[in-house]
Amino acid sequence: MTGPVIGTKTMVVSPHYLASAAGARMLVKGGNAYDAAVAVSAALAVVYPHMTGLGGDAFWLGYSAGEGRVRAYNGSGRSGYAVRRDCYAGEMAIPRRGVRSAITVPGMADSWEAVQREYGRLTLAEVLEPAIGYCTDGFPLSPDQHGGSVLAGAALSPEAAAIYLPGGRIPAAGGRFVQRQLAGTLRALAAGGRDAFYKGKIAEEISEYMQASGGYLTRDDFADHRGNWEEPLSTDYHGHRVYQVPPNSQGFTALMALNILERYNFADIGHGSYEYYHLLAEALKLSFRDRDRVLTDPAFSRIPLDQLLDKGYAAQLAASISPQQALAIGSEPVGRDTAYAAVVDGEGNAVSFIQSLYFEFGSGVVAGDTGILLQNRGSFFSLDPGHINTLEPHKRTFHTLMPAMACRDGKPAYLYGTQGGEGQPQTQTLLLTRMLHYGMDPQTAVNEPRFVWGRTWGEPTQELKLESRVAAGVQAELAEAGHLVRAVGSYDGVMGHAHAISIDGNGYRSGGTDPRCDGSAIGW
């Protein structure tokens, strides 16, 4: 394993080296962290198409050095006006693939312009230039995309298969991969901005495809879409202010877990010990229990965040944790594939962001000749009218995406996040405690063995998956305490792709990327 990349002024981390390079190019060009972040986001939409794309959502946390504050942007889409539970009468759940799973408007394109217009220095056309180049000139297909194609290739529509399974075959890793249709869409977006996507020919082609294919999204759904700037949620934790995007994001779950963990003295808890893994798993399980009870679109149901983030409530939850016995708490699987990235520039601006199509290749549907894979995020809505996350028109669903940032003395100290629905708050908690309590640099924190608790799709049990590098004695202790322990690979993909940046007291930026993916850290 290599050590961290250290820069005196800048740092970019992402799950694909070409996306990191796109961000670095913007910084060299004179752009700031916001310009670079949008360039990274757009590049990921091209070079990691099984994870993210123009047909998906994105959430952003940004620290503006000029304003001296952190702001959040919610770039998630809402269900269509015509999407109702009776569209699925007689069905137990919304289909997870196909055009009838693509029921929420993609929010990412809107978020690019909003973030860049508010804080960027370059034009949208300039920051989209690397992504357009990767589309037209091609790029070496990543091992991760190859693996995603093996896993989900059968779920692709004919239009999608023509692009992602050229000639009817799964493309080999390392081969040149070109996306002609997506290049045209990105050029239109670069020339016409977000309105080209939501009010122009792109929206027209997607909605016409939907109408012809039995889908539900319409031109009005696209025309009325807007993301929104929000005040982030935060909590104090050991001299740091930790920020998350508010609901419909699950970010408050990680803040709840930190409030619980604040009751414990990590100086007495060895890293990698039974006590360490048990305590983190229990704190997170308690947070998930409340999350599953209340999380939805806050425009449709009040979410009692004041109570959930109250330090007194955290003390009550901490008191319910037994040092020797695992809590019996259940959870539903909540998603899989995502791309997290972060950028810090020489002026002190910092952006932590995350984006997704939900499943590998999303709904599996490419709309017309746009080259856009549509997300299936809306398939997580419930068809039970009494469920907190029940499907209703023009509603945002429970969302797993949650970029994180921790500030020290009012300035960014840690930016961190990961792929993986249920795993996001879990891995974030691992990363922050490792960096803050045990003095690990970001690369070491990412490299150390990880766990993920909960059900995954198609599995009936609430397992505590532990990478096999966790000491055998620790695994045995966890099992004896009642955790349903399952050892997985030493660097198992089920743990997701985590990345982090830390900024020390001298202003040096240290970056770490996950060895489980194709990413890189670039800084100078």
Protein backbone atom coordinates (compact mmCIF):
# COMPACT_ATOMS: atom_id res chain seq x y z
CA MET A 1 0.00 0.00 0.00
CA THR A 2 1.22 3.49 -0.78
CA GLY A 3 1.11 6.32 1.73
CA PRO A 4 -0.95 9.49 1.49
CA VAL A 5 -0.45 12.14 -1.17
CA ILE A 6 0.49 15.43 0.49
CA GLY A 7 0.07 18.88 -1.02
CA THR A 8 0.94 22.29 0.36
CA LYS A 9 -1.94 24.03 -1.47
CA THR A 10 -4.35 21.68 -3.23
CA MET A 11 -5.84 18.18 -3.10
CA VAL A 12 -8.29 16.21 -5.24
CA VAL A 13 -9.54 12.71 -4.40
CA SER A 14 -11.99 10.60 -6.40
CA PRO A 15 -12.67 6.95 -7.29
CA HIS A 16 -11.24 7.31 -10.83
CA TYR A 17 -7.85 8.75 -11.72
CA LEU A 18 -9.15 10.48 -14.85
CA ALA A 19 -11.79 12.29 -12.79
CA SER A 20 -9.14 13.39 -10.30
CA ALA A 21 -7.07 14.62 -13.25
CA ALA A 22 -10.05 16.61 -14.57
CA GLY A 23 -10.30 18.43 -11.24
CA ALA A 24 -6.58 19.10 -11.15
CA ARG A 25 -6.76 20.57 -14.67
CA MET A 26 -9.33 23.11 -13.51
CA LEU A 27 -7.13 24.18 -10.60
CA VAL A 28 -4.14 24.61 -12.93
CA LYS A 29 -6.39 26.58 -15.29
CA GLY A 30 -7.15 29.08 -12.54
CA GLY A 31 -10.39 27.64 -11.26
CA ASN A 32 -11.20 27.10 -7.60
CA ALA A 33 -12.37 24.06 -5.65
CA TYR A 34 -15.96 24.50 -6.84
CA ASP A 35 -14.92 24.55 -10.51
CA ALA A 36 -12.71 21.52 -9.93
CA ALA A 37 -15.46 19.64 -8.08
CA VAL A 38 -17.96 20.07 -10.93
CA ALA A 39 -15.29 18.93 -13.40
CA VAL A 40 -14.65 15.83 -11.27
CA SER A 41 -18.39 15.17 -11.00
CA ALA A 42 -18.91 15.44 -14.76
CA ALA A 43 -15.87 13.28 -15.50
CA LEU A 44 -17.14 10.59 -13.13
CA ALA A 45 -20.44 10.66 -15.02
CA VAL A 46 -18.42 9.55 -18.06
CA VAL A 47 -15.63 7.30 -16.79
CA TYR A 48 -17.64 5.59 -14.01
CA PRO A 49 -21.00 5.23 -15.83
CA HIS A 50 -22.07 2.17 -13.85
CA MET A 51 -21.92 4.23 -10.65
CA THR A 52 -23.08 7.70 -11.59
CA GLY A 53 -24.23 9.88 -14.45
CA LEU A 54 -26.40 12.67 -15.78
CA GLY A 55 -29.46 10.57 -15.03
CA GLY A 56 -28.72 10.56 -11.29
CA ASP A 57 -28.56 12.75 -8.20
CA ALA A 58 -25.82 14.56 -6.28
CA PHE A 59 -25.39 16.15 -2.83
CA TRP A 60 -22.80 18.82 -2.03
CA LEU A 61 -21.14 20.37 1.01
CA GLY A 62 -18.95 23.38 0.29
CA TYR A 63 -16.87 25.65 2.48
CA SER A 64 -16.35 29.11 0.97
CA ALA A 65 -13.20 30.76 2.30
CA GLY A 66 -14.62 34.14 1.30
CA GLU A 67 -17.84 33.62 3.27
CA GLY A 68 -16.29 31.57 6.05
CA ARG A 69 -19.19 29.13 6.18
CA VAL A 70 -20.37 25.69 5.03
CA ARG A 71 -23.41 25.39 2.77
CA ALA A 72 -25.24 22.36 1.42
CA TYR A 73 -26.86 21.79 -1.96
CA ASN A 74 -29.52 19.14 -2.37
CA GLY A 75 -29.33 17.93 -5.96
CA SER A 76 -31.87 15.13 -5.68
CA GLY A 77 -34.93 14.82 -7.89
CA ARG A 78 -38.59 14.38 -7.07
CA SER A 79 -41.07 11.82 -8.33
CA GLY A 80 -43.17 12.78 -11.32
CA TYR A 81 -46.53 14.50 -10.92
CA ALA A 82 -48.27 11.47 -12.42
CA VAL A 83 -46.42 8.90 -10.29
CA ARG A 84 -48.82 7.44 -7.76
CA ARG A 85 -49.13 4.21 -5.84
CA ASP A 86 -51.96 3.07 -8.07
CA CYS A 87 -49.49 3.04 -10.99
CA TYR A 88 -48.30 -0.19 -9.35
CA ALA A 89 -51.68 -1.62 -8.34
CA GLY A 90 -51.41 -5.32 -7.58
CA GLU A 91 -47.63 -5.19 -7.19
CA MET A 92 -45.78 -5.67 -3.92
CA ALA A 93 -43.08 -3.12 -4.71
CA ILE A 94 -41.86 -0.72 -7.37
CA PRO A 95 -39.72 -2.60 -9.89
CA ARG A 96 -36.00 -2.16 -9.26
CA ARG A 97 -35.11 -2.05 -12.95
CA GLY A 98 -36.69 -0.90 -16.16
CA VAL A 99 -38.49 2.25 -17.23
CA ARG A 100 -41.08 1.97 -14.42
CA SER A 101 -38.28 2.23 -11.84
CA ALA A 102 -37.11 5.55 -13.32
CA ILE A 103 -39.67 7.75 -11.58
CA THR A 104 -37.59 10.61 -10.12
CA VAL A 105 -36.18 13.51 -12.13
CA PRO A 106 -32.36 13.46 -12.34
CA GLY A 107 -30.99 16.26 -10.18
CA MET A 108 -27.29 16.25 -10.97
CA ALA A 109 -27.19 18.56 -14.00
CA ASP A 110 -29.04 21.24 -12.06
CA SER A 111 -26.57 20.90 -9.19
CA TRP A 112 -23.56 21.44 -11.48
CA GLU A 113 -24.80 24.83 -12.63
CA ALA A 114 -26.05 25.85 -9.19
CA VAL A 115 -22.74 25.08 -7.44
CA GLN A 116 -20.59 26.54 -10.17
CA ARG A 117 -22.69 29.66 -10.70
CA GLU A 118 -22.74 30.46 -6.99
CA TYR A 119 -19.06 29.92 -6.24
CA GLY A 120 -17.11 28.96 -9.35
CA ARG A 121 -14.75 31.10 -11.36
CA LEU A 122 -14.75 29.38 -14.76
CA THR A 123 -17.64 28.81 -17.18
CA LEU A 124 -19.73 25.65 -17.22
CA ALA A 125 -18.38 24.90 -20.70
CA GLU A 126 -14.82 25.03 -19.37
CA VAL A 127 -15.44 22.66 -16.49
CA LEU A 128 -17.31 20.17 -18.71
CA GLU A 129 -14.49 20.11 -21.27
CA PRO A 130 -12.59 17.14 -19.74
CA ALA A 131 -15.76 15.02 -19.52
CA ILE A 132 -16.64 15.77 -23.14
CA GLY A 133 -13.13 14.81 -24.17
CA TYR A 134 -13.36 11.47 -22.34
CA CYS A 135 -16.65 10.82 -24.16
CA THR A 136 -15.39 11.61 -27.65
CA ASP A 137 -11.78 10.39 -27.47
CA GLY A 138 -12.54 7.44 -25.27
CA PHE A 139 -10.81 6.24 -22.12
CA PRO A 140 -9.46 2.93 -20.79
CA LEU A 141 -12.48 1.05 -19.44
CA SER A 142 -11.91 0.50 -15.72
CA PRO A 143 -11.83 -2.88 -13.99
CA ASP A 144 -14.70 -1.62 -11.84
CA GLN A 145 -16.88 -0.88 -14.87
CA HIS A 146 -16.05 -4.29 -16.26
CA GLY A 147 -17.15 -5.87 -12.97
CA GLY A 148 -20.34 -3.82 -12.93
CA SER A 149 -21.10 -4.95 -16.48
CA VAL A 150 -20.69 -8.59 -15.46
CA LEU A 151 -22.98 -8.07 -12.47
CA ALA A 152 -25.73 -5.97 -14.07
CA GLY A 153 -25.35 -6.32 -17.85
CA ALA A 154 -28.46 -8.48 -18.12
CA ALA A 155 -30.57 -5.64 -16.67
CA LEU A 156 -29.74 -3.19 -19.47
CA SER A 157 -32.37 -2.07 -21.98
CA PRO A 158 -31.56 -2.53 -25.70
CA GLU A 159 -30.54 1.14 -25.99
CA ALA A 160 -28.31 0.85 -22.93
CA ALA A 161 -26.84 -2.50 -24.00
CA ALA A 162 -25.89 -1.04 -27.38
CA ILE A 163 -23.61 1.40 -25.51
CA TYR A 164 -22.38 -0.56 -22.51
CA LEU A 165 -22.30 -4.04 -24.06
CA PRO A 166 -21.03 -3.20 -27.56
CA GLY A 167 -21.51 -6.06 -29.97
CA GLY A 168 -23.48 -7.89 -27.29
CA ARG A 169 -20.33 -8.58 -25.25
CA ILE A 170 -19.07 -7.38 -21.91
CA PRO A 171 -16.21 -5.00 -22.76
CA ALA A 172 -12.79 -5.90 -21.44
CA ALA A 173 -11.03 -3.78 -18.84
CA GLY A 174 -8.43 -1.56 -20.48
CA GLY A 175 -10.16 -1.30 -23.84
CA ARG A 176 -11.07 2.08 -25.34
CA PHE A 177 -14.61 3.06 -24.39
CA VAL A 178 -16.39 5.83 -26.30
CA GLN A 179 -19.80 7.41 -25.56
CA ARG A 180 -20.87 9.31 -28.66
CA GLN A 181 -24.44 10.03 -27.58
CA LEU A 182 -23.46 11.27 -24.14
CA ALA A 183 -20.89 13.59 -25.72
CA GLY A 184 -23.66 15.30 -27.67
CA THR A 185 -25.76 15.71 -24.54
CA LEU A 186 -22.85 17.20 -22.58
CA ARG A 187 -22.12 19.63 -25.42
CA ALA A 188 -25.74 20.79 -25.35
CA LEU A 189 -25.51 21.25 -21.59
CA ALA A 190 -22.23 23.18 -21.90
CA ALA A 191 -23.78 25.51 -24.48
CA GLY A 192 -27.23 25.99 -22.96
CA GLY A 193 -26.76 25.35 -19.23
CA ARG A 194 -29.25 23.53 -17.04
CA ASP A 195 -32.23 24.74 -19.09
CA ALA A 196 -30.93 22.74 -22.04
CA PHE A 197 -31.39 19.68 -19.85
CA TYR A 198 -34.64 20.49 -18.05
CA LYS A 199 -36.50 22.65 -20.57
CA GLY A 200 -34.90 21.91 -23.93
CA LYS A 201 -34.41 19.00 -26.30
CA ILE A 202 -32.85 16.72 -23.69
CA ALA A 203 -35.96 16.81 -21.52
CA GLU A 204 -38.11 16.48 -24.62
CA GLU A 205 -36.30 13.36 -25.79
CA ILE A 206 -36.35 11.72 -22.37
CA SER A 207 -40.05 12.41 -21.81
CA GLU A 208 -40.98 11.22 -25.31
CA TYR A 209 -39.04 8.03 -24.70
CA MET A 210 -40.87 7.60 -21.41
CA GLN A 211 -44.27 8.07 -23.01
CA ALA A 212 -43.47 5.55 -25.74
CA SER A 213 -42.02 2.99 -23.31
CA GLY A 214 -44.60 2.98 -20.53
CA GLY A 215 -42.74 5.33 -18.18
CA TYR A 216 -44.20 8.14 -16.11
CA LEU A 217 -41.90 11.19 -16.22
CA THR A 218 -43.12 14.12 -18.34
CA ARG A 219 -41.73 17.40 -19.67
CA ASP A 220 -43.47 19.26 -16.83
CA ASP A 221 -41.60 17.14 -14.29
CA PHE A 222 -38.29 18.22 -15.82
CA ALA A 223 -39.29 21.86 -16.34
CA ASP A 224 -40.34 22.25 -12.71
CA HIS A 225 -37.24 20.67 -11.18
CA ARG A 226 -35.02 22.74 -8.93
CA GLY A 227 -32.46 21.66 -6.38
CA ASN A 228 -31.98 23.86 -3.36
CA TRP A 229 -29.36 25.44 -1.13
CA GLU A 230 -29.78 24.48 2.52
CA GLU A 231 -28.19 25.06 5.89
CA PRO A 232 -26.27 21.89 6.74
CA LEU A 233 -26.86 19.89 9.89
CA SER A 234 -23.99 19.76 12.35
CA THR A 235 -22.82 18.60 15.73
CA ASP A 236 -19.79 19.26 17.93
CA TYR A 237 -17.44 16.31 18.33
CA HIS A 238 -14.10 16.51 20.18
CA GLY A 239 -13.23 20.05 19.16
CA HIS A 240 -14.62 19.76 15.63
CA ARG A 241 -17.87 20.86 14.01
CA VAL A 242 -19.07 17.97 11.83
CA TYR A 243 -21.42 18.79 8.93
CA GLN A 244 -23.91 16.73 6.92
CA VAL A 245 -26.59 17.50 4.32
CA PRO A 246 -30.09 17.58 5.89
CA PRO A 247 -32.95 15.22 4.94
CA ASN A 248 -33.95 13.74 2.60
CA SER A 249 -30.31 12.64 3.07
CA GLN A 250 -29.52 10.10 5.77
CA GLY A 251 -26.58 12.26 6.90
CA PHE A 252 -28.05 12.94 10.35
CA THR A 253 -27.52 9.23 11.10
CA ALA A 254 -23.75 9.75 11.24
CA LEU A 255 -24.17 12.80 13.50
CA MET A 256 -26.33 10.75 15.86
CA ALA A 257 -23.67 8.06 16.01
CA LEU A 258 -20.97 10.63 16.84
CA ASN A 259 -23.12 12.08 19.62
CA ILE A 260 -23.35 8.58 21.11
CA LEU A 261 -19.62 7.90 20.69
CA GLU A 262 -18.79 11.22 22.37
CA ARG A 263 -19.76 9.55 25.66
CA TYR A 264 -16.77 7.19 25.41
CA ASN A 265 -13.03 7.70 25.97
CA PHE A 266 -11.23 6.43 22.89
CA ALA A 267 -7.91 6.73 24.69
CA ASP A 268 -8.98 3.60 26.57
CA ILE A 269 -10.22 1.79 23.43
CA GLY A 270 -7.59 0.15 21.25
CA HIS A 271 -8.02 0.64 17.53
CA GLY A 272 -9.08 -2.59 15.84
CA SER A 273 -10.10 -4.12 19.18
CA TYR A 274 -13.37 -5.87 20.00
CA GLU A 275 -14.42 -2.78 21.96
CA TYR A 276 -13.79 -0.51 18.97
CA TYR A 277 -15.82 -2.47 16.44
CA HIS A 278 -18.59 -3.37 18.89
CA LEU A 279 -19.10 0.20 20.07
CA LEU A 280 -19.20 1.70 16.58
CA ALA A 281 -21.57 -0.97 15.30
CA GLU A 282 -23.96 -0.51 18.24
CA ALA A 283 -23.99 3.29 17.99
CA LEU A 284 -24.76 3.10 14.29
CA LYS A 285 -27.48 0.48 14.73
CA LEU A 286 -29.28 2.75 17.20
CA SER A 287 -29.04 5.61 14.73
CA PHE A 288 -30.39 3.43 11.90
CA ARG A 289 -33.39 2.48 14.05
CA ASP A 290 -34.46 6.13 14.28
CA ARG A 291 -33.52 6.84 10.66
CA ASP A 292 -35.80 4.10 9.38
CA ARG A 293 -38.64 5.45 11.51
CA VAL A 294 -38.54 9.08 10.30
CA LEU A 295 -36.52 9.63 7.12
CA THR A 296 -38.38 10.84 4.06
CA ASP A 297 -38.94 14.11 2.21
CA PRO A 298 -39.32 16.72 4.99
CA ALA A 299 -41.84 18.59 2.81
CA PHE A 300 -44.20 15.66 3.41
CA SER A 301 -43.49 14.72 7.02
CA ARG A 302 -41.88 16.47 9.98
CA ILE A 303 -38.53 14.96 10.99
CA PRO A 304 -37.70 15.68 14.68
CA LEU A 305 -34.05 16.58 14.12
CA ASP A 306 -33.82 18.69 17.28
CA GLN A 307 -34.65 15.61 19.33
CA LEU A 308 -32.55 13.19 17.30
CA LEU A 309 -29.43 15.38 17.48
CA ASP A 310 -29.89 16.35 21.13
CA LYS A 311 -26.91 15.45 23.32
CA GLY A 312 -29.22 14.31 26.11
CA TYR A 313 -30.95 11.89 23.76
CA ALA A 314 -27.54 10.59 22.70
CA ALA A 315 -26.71 9.92 26.36
CA GLN A 316 -29.89 7.84 26.68
CA LEU A 317 -28.98 5.83 23.60
CA ALA A 318 -25.41 5.33 24.84
CA ALA A 319 -26.76 3.99 28.13
CA SER A 320 -28.64 1.28 26.23
CA ILE A 321 -25.44 -0.18 24.77
CA SER A 322 -24.15 -3.27 26.54
CA PRO A 323 -20.38 -3.81 26.46
CA GLN A 324 -20.89 -7.56 25.99
CA GLN A 325 -24.17 -7.99 24.06
CA ALA A 326 -25.18 -6.90 20.55
CA LEU A 327 -28.51 -5.13 20.18
CA ALA A 328 -31.17 -6.96 18.18
CA ILE A 329 -32.10 -4.26 15.65
CA GLY A 330 -33.23 -4.78 12.06
CA SER A 331 -32.77 -2.71 8.91
CA GLU A 332 -33.72 -2.83 5.26
CA PRO A 333 -31.14 -2.76 2.43
CA VAL A 334 -30.92 0.78 1.09
CA GLY A 335 -28.78 0.93 -2.02
CA ARG A 336 -25.40 0.09 -3.46
CA ASP A 337 -23.38 2.06 -5.94
CA THR A 338 -22.15 5.61 -5.56
CA ALA A 339 -19.15 7.86 -6.27
CA TYR A 340 -17.70 10.16 -3.60
CA ALA A 341 -15.04 12.82 -4.21
CA ALA A 342 -13.57 15.92 -2.59
CA VAL A 343 -11.47 18.96 -3.52
CA VAL A 344 -9.52 21.57 -1.54
CA ASP A 345 -7.84 24.53 -3.26
CA GLY A 346 -5.05 26.93 -2.33
CA GLU A 347 -7.46 29.63 -1.17
CA GLY A 348 -9.00 27.40 1.47
CA ASN A 349 -12.22 26.55 -0.38
CA ALA A 350 -13.31 22.94 0.13
CA VAL A 351 -16.00 20.80 -1.53
CA SER A 352 -17.19 17.36 -0.38
CA PHE A 353 -19.73 15.75 -2.70
CA ILE A 354 -21.33 12.46 -3.69
CA GLN A 355 -23.46 11.23 -6.60
CA SER A 356 -25.20 8.08 -7.74
CA LEU A 357 -27.56 6.19 -10.03
CA TYR A 358 -28.59 3.99 -7.03
CA PHE A 359 -27.95 0.50 -8.50
CA GLU A 360 -25.22 -0.45 -10.97
CA PHE A 361 -26.31 1.29 -14.20
CA GLY A 362 -29.37 2.62 -12.37
CA SER A 363 -32.65 1.60 -13.95
CA GLY A 364 -30.72 -0.01 -16.81
CA VAL A 365 -32.55 2.33 -19.21
CA VAL A 366 -30.95 4.83 -21.59
CA ALA A 367 -33.50 7.37 -22.78
CA GLY A 368 -33.54 7.65 -26.56
CA ASP A 369 -30.30 8.86 -28.14
CA THR A 370 -29.22 10.97 -25.17
CA GLY A 371 -26.75 8.45 -23.79
CA ILE A 372 -28.21 9.17 -20.33
CA LEU A 373 -28.72 6.22 -17.99
CA LEU A 374 -31.72 7.01 -15.80
CA GLN A 375 -31.50 6.35 -12.08
CA ASN A 376 -33.78 3.94 -10.24
CA ARG A 377 -33.56 5.85 -6.95
CA GLY A 378 -37.35 6.14 -6.79
CA SER A 379 -37.70 2.37 -6.56
CA PHE A 380 -36.91 2.77 -2.86
CA PHE A 381 -40.30 4.42 -2.24
CA SER A 382 -42.73 2.17 -0.41
CA LEU A 383 -46.16 1.24 -1.82
CA ASP A 384 -47.52 0.92 1.73
CA PRO A 385 -49.67 4.06 2.32
CA GLY A 386 -48.78 3.97 6.01
CA HIS A 387 -45.02 3.88 5.46
CA ILE A 388 -43.05 7.05 6.23
CA ASN A 389 -41.42 6.83 2.79
CA THR A 390 -44.58 6.01 0.87
CA LEU A 391 -44.73 6.97 -2.81
CA GLU A 392 -46.51 10.24 -3.59
CA PRO A 393 -46.33 12.66 -6.54
CA HIS A 394 -43.56 15.28 -6.63
CA LYS A 395 -41.78 13.83 -3.61
CA ARG A 396 -38.14 13.14 -2.80
CA THR A 397 -37.37 9.68 -1.51
CA PHE A 398 -35.26 8.61 1.47
CA HIS A 399 -31.74 9.17 0.16
CA THR A 400 -28.53 7.42 1.15
CA LEU A 401 -26.14 10.04 -0.30
CA MET A 402 -24.27 11.95 2.43
CA PRO A 403 -20.98 13.83 1.92
CA ALA A 404 -19.22 14.82 5.16
CA MET A 405 -16.98 17.63 6.35
CA ALA A 406 -15.48 18.38 9.77
CA CYS A 407 -14.17 21.83 10.64
CA ARG A 408 -11.65 22.84 13.31
CA ASP A 409 -11.55 26.46 14.46
CA GLY A 410 -14.08 27.29 11.76
CA LYS A 411 -12.07 25.92 8.84
CA PRO A 412 -12.14 22.53 7.07
CA ALA A 413 -10.07 19.81 8.76
CA TYR A 414 -11.50 16.62 7.23
CA LEU A 415 -13.49 15.89 4.07
CA TYR A 416 -14.62 12.29 3.76
CA GLY A 417 -17.21 9.95 2.29
CA THR A 418 -17.78 6.62 0.64
CA GLN A 419 -19.78 4.53 -1.78
CA GLY A 420 -22.41 2.15 -0.43
CA GLY A 421 -25.92 2.88 0.86
CA GLU A 422 -26.06 1.37 4.35
CA GLY A 423 -22.28 1.52 4.56
CA GLN A 424 -21.96 5.30 4.18
CA PRO A 425 -22.55 6.34 7.81
CA GLN A 426 -20.62 3.29 8.99
CA THR A 427 -17.48 3.89 6.96
CA GLN A 428 -17.64 7.64 7.61
CA THR A 429 -17.59 6.92 11.34
CA LEU A 430 -14.64 4.59 10.92
CA LEU A 431 -12.72 7.20 8.92
CA LEU A 432 -13.33 10.10 11.27
CA THR A 433 -12.54 8.20 14.47
CA ARG A 434 -9.36 6.80 12.92
CA MET A 435 -8.13 10.20 11.77
CA LEU A 436 -9.25 12.17 14.82
CA HIS A 437 -8.69 9.74 17.73
CA TYR A 438 -5.84 7.59 16.43
CA GLY A 439 -3.92 10.15 14.39
CA MET A 440 -4.12 8.24 11.13
CA ASP A 441 -3.54 9.99 7.82
CA PRO A 442 -6.39 9.62 5.29
CA GLN A 443 -4.73 6.83 3.32
CA THR A 444 -4.07 4.73 6.42
CA ALA A 445 -7.61 5.35 7.68
CA VAL A 446 -9.01 4.14 4.36
CA ASN A 447 -6.66 1.14 4.19
CA GLU A 448 -7.37 -0.25 7.66
CA PRO A 449 -9.89 -3.16 7.87
CA ARG A 450 -13.53 -2.17 7.64
CA PHE A 451 -16.91 -3.53 8.62
CA VAL A 452 -20.44 -3.05 7.37
CA TRP A 453 -23.56 -4.07 9.27
CA GLY A 454 -27.01 -4.76 7.86
CA ARG A 455 -28.85 -6.64 5.20
CA THR A 456 -27.75 -6.57 1.60
CA TRP A 457 -30.08 -7.23 -1.32
CA GLY A 458 -31.29 -10.84 -1.48
CA GLU A 459 -29.94 -11.79 1.97
CA PRO A 460 -32.30 -12.57 4.88
CA THR A 461 -29.96 -11.83 7.78
CA GLN A 462 -28.51 -8.76 9.54
CA GLU A 463 -24.84 -9.65 9.22
CA LEU A 464 -21.82 -7.84 10.58
CA LYS A 465 -19.48 -8.26 7.62
CA LEU A 466 -15.83 -7.95 8.64
CA GLU A 467 -12.87 -7.93 6.32
CA SER A 468 -10.75 -11.01 6.95
CA ARG A 469 -7.84 -8.80 8.07
CA VAL A 470 -9.70 -8.13 11.34
CA ALA A 471 -7.95 -10.25 13.97
CA ALA A 472 -9.47 -13.71 14.36
CA GLY A 473 -9.77 -13.23 18.12
CA VAL A 474 -11.72 -10.02 17.63
CA GLN A 475 -14.06 -11.73 15.17
CA ALA A 476 -14.67 -14.49 17.72
CA GLU A 477 -15.42 -12.00 20.50
CA LEU A 478 -17.90 -10.16 18.30
CA ALA A 479 -19.65 -13.41 17.43
CA GLU A 480 -19.78 -14.39 21.11
CA ALA A 481 -21.46 -11.05 21.86
CA GLY A 482 -24.26 -11.90 19.45
CA HIS A 483 -23.12 -10.23 16.26
CA LEU A 484 -23.84 -12.38 13.22
CA VAL A 485 -20.26 -12.23 12.01
CA ARG A 486 -19.33 -13.04 8.43
CA ALA A 487 -15.74 -12.73 7.28
CA VAL A 488 -15.39 -11.39 3.74
CA GLY A 489 -12.42 -10.65 1.48
CA SER A 490 -9.37 -8.83 2.77
CA TYR A 491 -10.19 -5.75 0.66
CA ASP A 492 -13.78 -6.61 -0.16
CA GLY A 493 -15.85 -4.54 -2.58
CA VAL A 494 -18.88 -4.74 -0.29
CA MET A 495 -17.11 -2.16 1.90
CA GLY A 496 -17.44 0.46 -0.84
CA HIS A 497 -14.96 3.04 -2.12
CA ALA A 498 -13.91 5.54 0.56
CA HIS A 499 -11.82 8.69 0.12
CA ALA A 500 -10.69 11.43 2.47
CA ILE A 501 -8.71 14.65 2.74
CA SER A 502 -7.24 16.04 5.95
CA ILE A 503 -5.82 19.53 6.49
CA ASP A 504 -3.34 19.90 9.34
CA GLY A 505 -2.38 22.91 11.42
CA ASN A 506 0.23 23.94 8.84
CA GLY A 507 -2.34 23.90 6.05
CA TYR A 508 -0.86 20.81 4.39
CA ARG A 509 -3.44 18.75 2.54
CA SER A 510 -3.21 14.96 2.82
CA GLY A 511 -5.32 12.78 0.53
CA GLY A 512 -6.26 9.11 0.55
CA THR A 513 -8.18 6.99 -1.96
CA ASP A 514 -9.57 3.49 -1.73
CA PRO A 515 -7.46 0.55 -2.97
CA ARG A 516 -10.73 -1.18 -3.89
CA CYS A 517 -11.32 1.20 -6.82
CA ASP A 518 -9.54 3.00 -9.67
CA GLY A 519 -9.05 6.30 -7.89
CA SER A 520 -6.18 8.65 -7.20
CA ALA A 521 -5.25 11.58 -5.02
CA ILE A 522 -3.61 14.54 -6.76
CA GLY A 523 -2.13 17.42 -4.81
CA TRP A 524 0.71 19.91 -4.93
